[in-house]
Amino acid sequence: MPKTVQIRDIDDDVYAALTRRAAEAGLTVPELLRREAARLASRPSMQEWLERTRRRTSTITTSEVLDTLDELRGEWPDAGG
């Protein structure tokens, strides 16, 4: 059964931004907030996400990650001037 949620004391600038975003999407503010609430509820919490990622095993070392980042970034400019 659908529930009703009321948010009080929204700052004027926040409400103006919500109104603008809703209009850009062709929605009302309640429709926009309903979609955003559904999107938020469908995502794992930070705690759930951390628990899942901790269970994953990896064979990649920190050194390999740093080497790959250095390769992608390219040469550093000569700081010796």
Protein backbone atom coordinates (compact mmCIF):
# COMPACT_ATOMS: atom_id res chain seq x y z
CA MET A 1 0.00 0.00 0.00
CA PRO A 2 1.48 3.42 -0.94
CA LYS A 3 2.63 5.67 1.88
CA THR A 4 2.75 9.45 2.12
CA VAL A 5 5.92 11.27 3.14
CA GLN A 6 6.05 14.93 4.03
CA ILE A 7 9.27 16.95 4.15
CA ARG A 8 9.17 20.12 6.19
CA ASP A 9 11.48 23.13 6.34
CA ILE A 10 13.00 22.89 2.85
CA ASP A 11 15.18 25.91 2.14
CA ASP A 12 13.91 28.17 -0.63
CA ASP A 13 16.99 27.62 -2.79
CA VAL A 14 16.65 23.84 -2.45
CA TYR A 15 12.98 23.95 -3.44
CA ALA A 16 13.79 26.24 -6.37
CA ALA A 17 16.41 23.75 -7.57
CA LEU A 18 13.94 20.88 -7.24
CA THR A 19 11.33 22.86 -9.16
CA ARG A 20 13.83 23.61 -11.92
CA ARG A 21 14.94 19.97 -12.19
CA ALA A 22 11.37 18.72 -12.22
CA ALA A 23 10.43 21.17 -14.98
CA GLU A 24 13.46 20.14 -17.05
CA ALA A 25 12.33 16.51 -16.75
CA GLY A 26 8.69 17.36 -17.48
CA LEU A 27 7.63 16.29 -13.99
CA THR A 28 6.09 17.79 -10.90
CA VAL A 29 8.22 18.11 -7.77
CA PRO A 30 6.38 15.21 -6.06
CA GLU A 31 6.94 13.01 -9.14
CA LEU A 32 10.63 13.90 -9.20
CA LEU A 33 11.00 13.15 -5.49
CA ARG A 34 9.07 9.88 -5.86
CA ARG A 35 11.48 8.74 -8.59
CA GLU A 36 14.51 9.82 -6.60
CA ALA A 37 13.23 8.05 -3.47
CA ALA A 38 12.70 4.84 -5.47
CA ARG A 39 16.20 5.13 -6.95
CA LEU A 40 17.71 5.72 -3.52
CA ALA A 41 15.82 2.80 -1.98
CA SER A 42 16.96 0.44 -4.74
CA ARG A 43 20.65 1.10 -4.10
CA PRO A 44 22.59 -0.68 -1.37
CA SER A 45 23.54 1.35 1.68
CA MET A 46 27.20 2.26 2.09
CA GLN A 47 27.51 -0.42 4.78
CA GLU A 48 25.97 -3.08 2.50
CA TRP A 49 28.25 -2.05 -0.36
CA LEU A 50 31.36 -2.17 1.83
CA GLU A 51 30.42 -5.62 3.14
CA ARG A 52 30.00 -6.92 -0.41
CA THR A 53 33.27 -5.47 -1.64
CA ARG A 54 35.21 -6.81 1.35
CA ARG A 55 34.11 -10.35 0.44
CA ARG A 56 35.65 -10.09 -3.01
CA THR A 57 39.12 -11.50 -3.44
CA SER A 58 41.68 -9.83 -5.63
CA THR A 59 44.99 -10.92 -7.06
CA ILE A 60 45.92 -7.38 -8.08
CA THR A 61 48.57 -5.77 -5.93
CA THR A 62 48.79 -2.14 -4.89
CA SER A 63 52.02 -1.88 -6.86
CA GLU A 64 50.25 -3.04 -10.03
CA VAL A 65 47.49 -0.48 -9.53
CA LEU A 66 50.02 2.32 -9.05
CA ASP A 67 52.05 1.21 -12.08
CA THR A 68 48.91 1.19 -14.24
CA LEU A 69 47.90 4.65 -13.02
CA ASP A 70 51.38 5.98 -13.79
CA GLU A 71 51.17 4.45 -17.26
CA LEU A 72 47.76 6.01 -17.92
CA ARG A 73 48.79 9.41 -16.62
CA GLY A 74 51.93 9.57 -18.71
CA GLU A 75 55.16 11.38 -17.96
CA TRP A 76 55.22 13.95 -15.18
CA PRO A 77 56.45 17.38 -16.24
CA ASP A 78 59.98 18.13 -15.10
CA ALA A 79 59.58 19.80 -11.72
CA GLY A 80 63.30 20.53 -11.51
CA GLY A 81 62.91 23.68 -13.65
